[in-house]
Amino acid sequence: MNVKPLGDRILIKIKESETKTAGGIIIPQTAQEKTQTGIVVAVGTDKDVIKVKEGDEVMYDKYAGTQIKVQGADHLIVKMQDILAVLE
């Protein structure tokens, strides 16, 4: 299934949270904080409003968007205003 966002919306592939600390301690699923970063997969049609491009790693608002599965991976559709930063 291909998803093409419309307007000022952006499709983000959610980055998986770390399951292990730097010291090697395994973090149980219930204690893992949901990540708020991901990779831009597709952008909407409103090019004047959208300030990110495909491939950018971004940080987004914790409660933003609609979560969907695309080819078995978790994705999120958010509005441009929900993007907090581009990570470099």
PDB file of N, CA and C in Angstrom:
ATOM      1  N   MET A   1       0.842  -1.168   0.000  1.00  0.00           N
ATOM      2  CA  MET A   1       0.000   0.000   0.000  1.00  0.00           C
ATOM      3  C   MET A   1       0.894   1.240   0.000  1.00  0.00           C
ATOM      4  N   ASN A   2       0.662   2.147  -0.923  1.00  0.00           N
ATOM      5  CA  ASN A   2       1.350   3.432  -0.958  1.00  0.00           C
ATOM      6  C   ASN A   2       0.447   4.488  -0.349  1.00  0.00           C
ATOM      7  N   VAL A   3       1.030   5.363   0.467  1.00  0.00           N
ATOM      8  CA  VAL A   3       0.278   6.429   1.117  1.00  0.00           C
ATOM      9  C   VAL A   3       0.859   7.754   0.654  1.00  0.00           C
ATOM     10  N   LYS A   4       0.035   8.630   0.095  1.00  0.00           N
ATOM     11  CA  LYS A   4       0.453   9.951  -0.343  1.00  0.00           C
ATOM     12  C   LYS A   4      -0.320  10.983   0.466  1.00  0.00           C
ATOM     13  N   PRO A   5       0.363  11.680   1.402  1.00  0.00           N
ATOM     14  CA  PRO A   5      -0.327  12.682   2.208  1.00  0.00           C
ATOM     15  C   PRO A   5      -0.829  13.841   1.342  1.00  0.00           C
ATOM     16  N   LEU A   6      -1.895  14.476   1.796  1.00  0.00           N
ATOM     17  CA  LEU A   6      -2.478  15.615   1.093  1.00  0.00           C
ATOM     18  C   LEU A   6      -2.254  16.897   1.891  1.00  0.00           C
ATOM     19  N   GLY A   7      -2.320  18.028   1.224  1.00  0.00           N
ATOM     20  CA  GLY A   7      -2.223  19.327   1.887  1.00  0.00           C
ATOM     21  C   GLY A   7      -0.910  19.509   2.616  1.00  0.00           C
ATOM     22  N   ASP A   8      -1.006  19.918   3.890  1.00  0.00           N
ATOM     23  CA  ASP A   8       0.197  20.181   4.688  1.00  0.00           C
ATOM     24  C   ASP A   8       0.582  19.008   5.574  1.00  0.00           C
ATOM     25  N   ARG A   9       0.177  17.810   5.187  1.00  0.00           N
ATOM     26  CA  ARG A   9       0.465  16.636   6.001  1.00  0.00           C
ATOM     27  C   ARG A   9       1.738  15.926   5.537  1.00  0.00           C
ATOM     28  N   ILE A  10       2.354  15.211   6.493  1.00  0.00           N
ATOM     29  CA  ILE A  10       3.631  14.546   6.254  1.00  0.00           C
ATOM     30  C   ILE A  10       3.548  13.117   6.777  1.00  0.00           C
ATOM     31  N   LEU A  11       4.059  12.159   6.006  1.00  0.00           N
ATOM     32  CA  LEU A  11       4.117  10.763   6.432  1.00  0.00           C
ATOM     33  C   LEU A  11       5.502  10.502   7.008  1.00  0.00           C
ATOM     34  N   ILE A  12       5.542  10.045   8.273  1.00  0.00           N
ATOM     35  CA  ILE A  12       6.800   9.802   8.981  1.00  0.00           C
ATOM     36  C   ILE A  12       6.880   8.330   9.366  1.00  0.00           C
ATOM     37  N   LYS A  13       8.038   7.716   9.110  1.00  0.00           N
ATOM     38  CA  LYS A  13       8.287   6.358   9.601  1.00  0.00           C
ATOM     39  C   LYS A  13       8.864   6.498  11.003  1.00  0.00           C
ATOM     40  N   ILE A  14       8.176   5.948  11.983  1.00  0.00           N
ATOM     41  CA  ILE A  14       8.566   6.078  13.379  1.00  0.00           C
ATOM     42  C   ILE A  14       9.821   5.269  13.643  1.00  0.00           C
ATOM     43  N   LYS A  15      10.802   5.907  14.300  1.00  0.00           N
ATOM     44  CA  LYS A  15      12.020   5.196  14.688  1.00  0.00           C
ATOM     45  C   LYS A  15      11.711   4.340  15.904  1.00  0.00           C
ATOM     46  N   GLU A  16      12.220   3.127  15.887  1.00  0.00           N
ATOM     47  CA  GLU A  16      12.011   2.212  17.007  1.00  0.00           C
ATOM     48  C   GLU A  16      12.817   2.682  18.210  1.00  0.00           C
ATOM     49  N   SER A  17      12.239   2.552  19.402  1.00  0.00           N
ATOM     50  CA  SER A  17      12.950   2.940  20.614  1.00  0.00           C
ATOM     51  C   SER A  17      13.991   1.892  20.965  1.00  0.00           C
ATOM     52  N   GLU A  18      15.013   2.325  21.663  1.00  0.00           N
ATOM     53  CA  GLU A  18      16.102   1.432  22.075  1.00  0.00           C
ATOM     54  C   GLU A  18      15.588   0.419  23.088  1.00  0.00           C
ATOM     55  N   THR A  19      15.995  -0.823  22.938  1.00  0.00           N
ATOM     56  CA  THR A  19      15.589  -1.867  23.871  1.00  0.00           C
ATOM     57  C   THR A  19      16.697  -2.190  24.860  1.00  0.00           C
ATOM     58  N   LYS A  20      17.855  -1.546  24.671  1.00  0.00           N
ATOM     59  CA  LYS A  20      19.003  -1.801  25.517  1.00  0.00           C
ATOM     60  C   LYS A  20      19.711  -0.482  25.821  1.00  0.00           C
ATOM     61  N   THR A  21      20.169  -0.319  27.063  1.00  0.00           N
ATOM     62  CA  THR A  21      20.933   0.874  27.412  1.00  0.00           C
ATOM     63  C   THR A  21      22.369   0.732  26.925  1.00  0.00           C
ATOM     64  N   ALA A  22      23.139   1.812  27.018  1.00  0.00           N
ATOM     65  CA  ALA A  22      24.540   1.773  26.602  1.00  0.00           C
ATOM     66  C   ALA A  22      25.335   0.772  27.435  1.00  0.00           C
ATOM     67  N   GLY A  23      24.912   0.563  28.695  1.00  0.00           N
ATOM     68  CA  GLY A  23      25.598  -0.381  29.569  1.00  0.00           C
ATOM     69  C   GLY A  23      25.161  -1.820  29.376  1.00  0.00           C
ATOM     70  N   GLY A  24      24.180  -2.058  28.487  1.00  0.00           N
ATOM     71  CA  GLY A  24      23.755  -3.417  28.186  1.00  0.00           C
ATOM     72  C   GLY A  24      22.515  -3.883  28.929  1.00  0.00           C
ATOM     73  N   ILE A  25      21.892  -3.002  29.717  1.00  0.00           N
ATOM     74  CA  ILE A  25      20.682  -3.364  30.449  1.00  0.00           C
ATOM     75  C   ILE A  25      19.505  -3.366  29.486  1.00  0.00           C
ATOM     76  N   ILE A  26      18.722  -4.439  29.488  1.00  0.00           N
ATOM     77  CA  ILE A  26      17.554  -4.558  28.614  1.00  0.00           C
ATOM     78  C   ILE A  26      16.382  -3.824  29.249  1.00  0.00           C
ATOM     79  N   ILE A  27      15.746  -2.947  28.457  1.00  0.00           N
ATOM     80  CA  ILE A  27      14.596  -2.175  28.929  1.00  0.00           C
ATOM     81  C   ILE A  27      13.328  -2.926  28.545  1.00  0.00           C
ATOM     82  N   PRO A  28      12.465  -3.275  29.517  1.00  0.00           N
ATOM     83  CA  PRO A  28      11.234  -3.980  29.168  1.00  0.00           C
ATOM     84  C   PRO A  28      10.290  -3.094  28.354  1.00  0.00           C
ATOM     85  N   GLN A  29       9.456  -3.712  27.551  1.00  0.00           N
ATOM     86  CA  GLN A  29       8.529  -3.006  26.666  1.00  0.00           C
ATOM     87  C   GLN A  29       7.666  -2.006  27.431  1.00  0.00           C
ATOM     88  N   THR A  30       7.233  -2.350  28.624  1.00  0.00           N
ATOM     89  CA  THR A  30       6.351  -1.478  29.395  1.00  0.00           C
ATOM     90  C   THR A  30       7.053  -0.235  29.909  1.00  0.00           C
ATOM     91  N   ALA A  31       8.368  -0.264  30.014  1.00  0.00           N
ATOM     92  CA  ALA A  31       9.124   0.881  30.535  1.00  0.00           C
ATOM     93  C   ALA A  31       9.705   1.757  29.427  1.00  0.00           C
ATOM     94  N   GLN A  32       9.560   1.340  28.181  1.00  0.00           N
ATOM     95  CA  GLN A  32      10.142   2.109  27.083  1.00  0.00           C
ATOM     96  C   GLN A  32       9.304   3.344  26.800  1.00  0.00           C
ATOM     97  N   GLU A  33       9.977   4.473  26.668  1.00  0.00           N
ATOM     98  CA  GLU A  33       9.321   5.721  26.307  1.00  0.00           C
ATOM     99  C   GLU A  33       9.085   5.709  24.800  1.00  0.00           C
ATOM    100  N   LYS A  34       7.886   6.093  24.390  1.00  0.00           N
ATOM    101  CA  LYS A  34       7.583   6.133  22.967  1.00  0.00           C
ATOM    102  C   LYS A  34       8.435   7.216  22.307  1.00  0.00           C
ATOM    103  N   THR A  35       9.095   6.856  21.250  1.00  0.00           N
ATOM    104  CA  THR A  35       9.964   7.802  20.560  1.00  0.00           C
ATOM    105  C   THR A  35       9.160   8.881  19.859  1.00  0.00           C
ATOM    106  N   GLN A  36       9.731  10.048  19.736  1.00  0.00           N
ATOM    107  CA  GLN A  36       9.080  11.125  19.003  1.00  0.00           C
ATOM    108  C   GLN A  36       9.946  11.597  17.852  1.00  0.00           C
ATOM    109  N   THR A  37      10.717  10.686  17.289  1.00  0.00           N
ATOM    110  CA  THR A  37      11.517  11.003  16.115  1.00  0.00           C
ATOM    111  C   THR A  37      11.225   9.990  15.024  1.00  0.00           C
ATOM    112  N   GLY A  38      11.466  10.419  13.806  1.00  0.00           N
ATOM    113  CA  GLY A  38      11.242   9.529  12.682  1.00  0.00           C
ATOM    114  C   GLY A  38      11.815  10.118  11.407  1.00  0.00           C
ATOM    115  N   ILE A  39      11.666   9.366  10.343  1.00  0.00           N
ATOM    116  CA  ILE A  39      12.179   9.747   9.037  1.00  0.00           C
ATOM    117  C   ILE A  39      11.001  10.110   8.130  1.00  0.00           C
ATOM    118  N   VAL A  40      11.096  11.258   7.459  1.00  0.00           N
ATOM    119  CA  VAL A  40      10.049  11.690   6.531  1.00  0.00           C
ATOM    120  C   VAL A  40      10.063  10.766   5.321  1.00  0.00           C
ATOM    121  N   VAL A  41       8.917  10.143   5.052  1.00  0.00           N
ATOM    122  CA  VAL A  41       8.790   9.215   3.931  1.00  0.00           C
ATOM    123  C   VAL A  41       8.135   9.896   2.740  1.00  0.00           C
ATOM    124  N   ALA A  42       7.126  10.732   3.005  1.00  0.00           N
ATOM    125  CA  ALA A  42       6.418  11.429   1.931  1.00  0.00           C
ATOM    126  C   ALA A  42       5.854  12.735   2.474  1.00  0.00           C
ATOM    127  N   VAL A  43       5.742  13.720   1.602  1.00  0.00           N
ATOM    128  CA  VAL A  43       5.183  15.016   1.995  1.00  0.00           C
ATOM    129  C   VAL A  43       3.950  15.312   1.155  1.00  0.00           C
ATOM    130  N   GLY A  44       3.090  16.157   1.710  1.00  0.00           N
ATOM    131  CA  GLY A  44       1.834  16.514   1.045  1.00  0.00           C
ATOM    132  C   GLY A  44       2.029  17.426  -0.148  1.00  0.00           C
ATOM    133  N   THR A  45       0.914  17.898  -0.668  1.00  0.00           N
ATOM    134  CA  THR A  45       0.908  18.669  -1.902  1.00  0.00           C
ATOM    135  C   THR A  45       1.085  20.167  -1.691  1.00  0.00           C
ATOM    136  N   ASP A  46       0.989  20.654  -0.459  1.00  0.00           N
ATOM    137  CA  ASP A  46       1.094  22.086  -0.172  1.00  0.00           C
ATOM    138  C   ASP A  46       2.554  22.466   0.047  1.00  0.00           C
ATOM    139  N   LYS A  47       3.299  22.628  -1.027  1.00  0.00           N
ATOM    140  CA  LYS A  47       4.747  22.864  -0.972  1.00  0.00           C
ATOM    141  C   LYS A  47       5.106  24.206  -0.332  1.00  0.00           C
ATOM    142  N   ASP A  48       4.181  25.178  -0.304  1.00  0.00           N
ATOM    143  CA  ASP A  48       4.469  26.481   0.301  1.00  0.00           C
ATOM    144  C   ASP A  48       4.557  26.394   1.819  1.00  0.00           C
ATOM    145  N   VAL A  49       3.827  25.478   2.426  1.00  0.00           N
ATOM    146  CA  VAL A  49       3.770  25.352   3.885  1.00  0.00           C
ATOM    147  C   VAL A  49       4.810  24.363   4.407  1.00  0.00           C
ATOM    148  N   ILE A  50       5.081  23.300   3.660  1.00  0.00           N
ATOM    149  CA  ILE A  50       5.946  22.214   4.119  1.00  0.00           C
ATOM    150  C   ILE A  50       7.412  22.621   4.023  1.00  0.00           C
ATOM    151  N   LYS A  51       8.115  22.520   5.146  1.00  0.00           N
ATOM    152  CA  LYS A  51       9.518  22.944   5.223  1.00  0.00           C
ATOM    153  C   LYS A  51      10.487  21.767   5.371  1.00  0.00           C
ATOM    154  N   VAL A  52      10.006  20.538   5.235  1.00  0.00           N
ATOM    155  CA  VAL A  52      10.866  19.361   5.323  1.00  0.00           C
ATOM    156  C   VAL A  52      10.794  18.608   3.999  1.00  0.00           C
ATOM    157  N   LYS A  53      11.747  17.695   3.806  1.00  0.00           N
ATOM    158  CA  LYS A  53      11.752  16.909   2.571  1.00  0.00           C
ATOM    159  C   LYS A  53      11.925  15.433   2.904  1.00  0.00           C
ATOM    160  N   GLU A  54      11.666  14.586   1.943  1.00  0.00           N
ATOM    161  CA  GLU A  54      11.820  13.151   2.142  1.00  0.00           C
ATOM    162  C   GLU A  54      13.250  12.837   2.569  1.00  0.00           C
ATOM    163  N   GLY A  55      13.382  11.961   3.580  1.00  0.00           N
ATOM    164  CA  GLY A  55      14.689  11.569   4.071  1.00  0.00           C
ATOM    165  C   GLY A  55      15.138  12.347   5.302  1.00  0.00           C
ATOM    166  N   ASP A  56      14.483  13.480   5.610  1.00  0.00           N
ATOM    167  CA  ASP A  56      14.839  14.252   6.804  1.00  0.00           C
ATOM    168  C   ASP A  56      14.458  13.483   8.062  1.00  0.00           C
ATOM    169  N   GLU A  57      15.321  13.551   9.085  1.00  0.00           N
ATOM    170  CA  GLU A  57      14.974  13.001  10.388  1.00  0.00           C
ATOM    171  C   GLU A  57      14.373  14.136  11.198  1.00  0.00           C
ATOM    172  N   VAL A  58      13.165  13.931  11.725  1.00  0.00           N
ATOM    173  CA  VAL A  58      12.447  14.995  12.409  1.00  0.00           C
ATOM    174  C   VAL A  58      11.999  14.567  13.802  1.00  0.00           C
ATOM    175  N   MET A  59      11.754  15.568  14.637  1.00  0.00           N
ATOM    176  CA  MET A  59      11.163  15.366  15.953  1.00  0.00           C
ATOM    177  C   MET A  59       9.760  15.961  15.878  1.00  0.00           C
ATOM    178  N   TYR A  60       8.772  15.216  16.399  1.00  0.00           N
ATOM    179  CA  TYR A  60       7.394  15.671  16.310  1.00  0.00           C
ATOM    180  C   TYR A  60       6.746  15.674  17.684  1.00  0.00           C
ATOM    181  N   ASP A  61       5.612  16.361  17.788  1.00  0.00           N
ATOM    182  CA  ASP A  61       4.865  16.470  19.028  1.00  0.00           C
ATOM    183  C   ASP A  61       4.399  15.090  19.487  1.00  0.00           C
ATOM    184  N   LYS A  62       4.457  14.844  20.790  1.00  0.00           N
ATOM    185  CA  LYS A  62       4.174  13.526  21.362  1.00  0.00           C
ATOM    186  C   LYS A  62       2.766  13.008  21.023  1.00  0.00           C
ATOM    187  N   TYR A  63       1.777  13.877  21.019  1.00  0.00           N
ATOM    188  CA  TYR A  63       0.392  13.438  20.806  1.00  0.00           C
ATOM    189  C   TYR A  63      -0.133  13.802  19.419  1.00  0.00           C
ATOM    190  N   ALA A  64       0.756  13.988  18.475  1.00  0.00           N
ATOM    191  CA  ALA A  64       0.363  14.433  17.140  1.00  0.00           C
ATOM    192  C   ALA A  64       0.012  13.276  16.225  1.00  0.00           C
ATOM    193  N   GLY A  65      -0.824  13.577  15.271  1.00  0.00           N
ATOM    194  CA  GLY A  65      -1.032  12.708  14.130  1.00  0.00           C
ATOM    195  C   GLY A  65      -1.870  11.465  14.318  1.00  0.00           C
ATOM    196  N   THR A  66      -1.909  10.704  13.248  1.00  0.00           N
ATOM    197  CA  THR A  66      -2.646   9.454  13.174  1.00  0.00           C
ATOM    198  C   THR A  66      -1.668   8.344  12.848  1.00  0.00           C
ATOM    199  N   GLN A  67      -1.648   7.319  13.690  1.00  0.00           N
ATOM    200  CA  GLN A  67      -0.714   6.217  13.499  1.00  0.00           C
ATOM    201  C   GLN A  67      -1.316   5.187  12.558  1.00  0.00           C
ATOM    202  N   ILE A  68      -0.504   4.724  11.590  1.00  0.00           N
ATOM    203  CA  ILE A  68      -0.927   3.693  10.639  1.00  0.00           C
ATOM    204  C   ILE A  68       0.233   2.719  10.432  1.00  0.00           C
ATOM    205  N   LYS A  69      -0.078   1.559   9.857  1.00  0.00           N
ATOM    206  CA  LYS A  69       0.959   0.591   9.483  1.00  0.00           C
ATOM    207  C   LYS A  69       1.047   0.575   7.963  1.00  0.00           C
ATOM    208  N   VAL A  70       2.275   0.701   7.467  1.00  0.00           N
ATOM    209  CA  VAL A  70       2.530   0.633   6.038  1.00  0.00           C
ATOM    210  C   VAL A  70       3.588  -0.438   5.839  1.00  0.00           C
ATOM    211  N   GLN A  71       3.252  -1.479   5.129  1.00  0.00           N
ATOM    212  CA  GLN A  71       4.152  -2.614   4.863  1.00  0.00           C
ATOM    213  C   GLN A  71       4.741  -3.163   6.168  1.00  0.00           C
ATOM    214  N   GLY A  72       3.904  -3.247   7.206  1.00  0.00           N
ATOM    215  CA  GLY A  72       4.295  -3.836   8.475  1.00  0.00           C
ATOM    216  C   GLY A  72       5.055  -2.921   9.418  1.00  0.00           C
ATOM    217  N   ALA A  73       5.357  -1.695   9.008  1.00  0.00           N
ATOM    218  CA  ALA A  73       6.111  -0.759   9.857  1.00  0.00           C
ATOM    219  C   ALA A  73       5.180   0.358  10.340  1.00  0.00           C
ATOM    220  N   ASP A  74       5.434   0.841  11.559  1.00  0.00           N
ATOM    221  CA  ASP A  74       4.632   1.924  12.121  1.00  0.00           C
ATOM    222  C   ASP A  74       4.991   3.250  11.467  1.00  0.00           C
ATOM    223  N   HIS A  75       3.952   3.973  11.042  1.00  0.00           N
ATOM    224  CA  HIS A  75       4.100   5.296  10.442  1.00  0.00           C
ATOM    225  C   HIS A  75       3.127   6.242  11.120  1.00  0.00           C
ATOM    226  N   LEU A  76       3.332   7.527  10.899  1.00  0.00           N
ATOM    227  CA  LEU A  76       2.493   8.550  11.483  1.00  0.00           C
ATOM    228  C   LEU A  76       2.224   9.609  10.417  1.00  0.00           C
ATOM    229  N   ILE A  77       0.970  10.049  10.320  1.00  0.00           N
ATOM    230  CA  ILE A  77       0.633  11.164   9.437  1.00  0.00           C
ATOM    231  C   ILE A  77       0.390  12.367  10.338  1.00  0.00           C
ATOM    232  N   VAL A  78       1.207  13.417  10.154  1.00  0.00           N
ATOM    233  CA  VAL A  78       1.105  14.617  10.987  1.00  0.00           C
ATOM    234  C   VAL A  78       0.984  15.851  10.115  1.00  0.00           C
ATOM    235  N   LYS A  79       0.515  16.947  10.712  1.00  0.00           N
ATOM    236  CA  LYS A  79       0.499  18.242  10.034  1.00  0.00           C
ATOM    237  C   LYS A  79       1.872  18.880  10.195  1.00  0.00           C
ATOM    238  N   MET A  80       2.215  19.779   9.301  1.00  0.00           N
ATOM    239  CA  MET A  80       3.518  20.455   9.362  1.00  0.00           C
ATOM    240  C   MET A  80       3.710  21.153  10.702  1.00  0.00           C
ATOM    241  N   GLN A  81       2.655  21.714  11.274  1.00  0.00           N
ATOM    242  CA  GLN A  81       2.768  22.442  12.543  1.00  0.00           C
ATOM    243  C   GLN A  81       3.149  21.518  13.710  1.00  0.00           C
ATOM    244  N   ASP A  82       2.991  20.195  13.540  1.00  0.00           N
ATOM    245  CA  ASP A  82       3.344  19.243  14.594  1.00  0.00           C
ATOM    246  C   ASP A  82       4.820  18.845  14.546  1.00  0.00           C
ATOM    247  N   ILE A  83       5.533  19.248  13.494  1.00  0.00           N
ATOM    248  CA  ILE A  83       6.970  18.995  13.410  1.00  0.00           C
ATOM    249  C   ILE A  83       7.678  20.043  14.264  1.00  0.00           C
ATOM    250  N   LEU A  84       8.463  19.567  15.239  1.00  0.00           N
ATOM    251  CA  LEU A  84       9.143  20.479  16.160  1.00  0.00           C
ATOM    252  C   LEU A  84      10.541  20.855  15.688  1.00  0.00           C
ATOM    253  N   ALA A  85      11.250  19.922  15.042  1.00  0.00           N
ATOM    254  CA  ALA A  85      12.630  20.196  14.630  1.00  0.00           C
ATOM    255  C   ALA A  85      13.076  19.193  13.589  1.00  0.00           C
ATOM    256  N   VAL A  86      14.081  19.600  12.813  1.00  0.00           N
ATOM    257  CA  VAL A  86      14.778  18.700  11.903  1.00  0.00           C
ATOM    258  C   VAL A  86      16.093  18.357  12.573  1.00  0.00           C
ATOM    259  N   LEU A  87      16.386  17.061  12.704  1.00  0.00           N
ATOM    260  CA  LEU A  87      17.602  16.610  13.377  1.00  0.00           C
ATOM    261  C   LEU A  87      18.711  16.437  12.350  1.00  0.00           C
ATOM    262  N   GLU A  88      19.877  16.971  12.658  1.00  0.00           N
ATOM    263  CA  GLU A  88      21.009  16.870  11.720  1.00  0.00           C
ATOM    264  C   GLU A  88      22.124  16.059  12.331  1.00  0.00           C
TER     265      GLU A  88
END
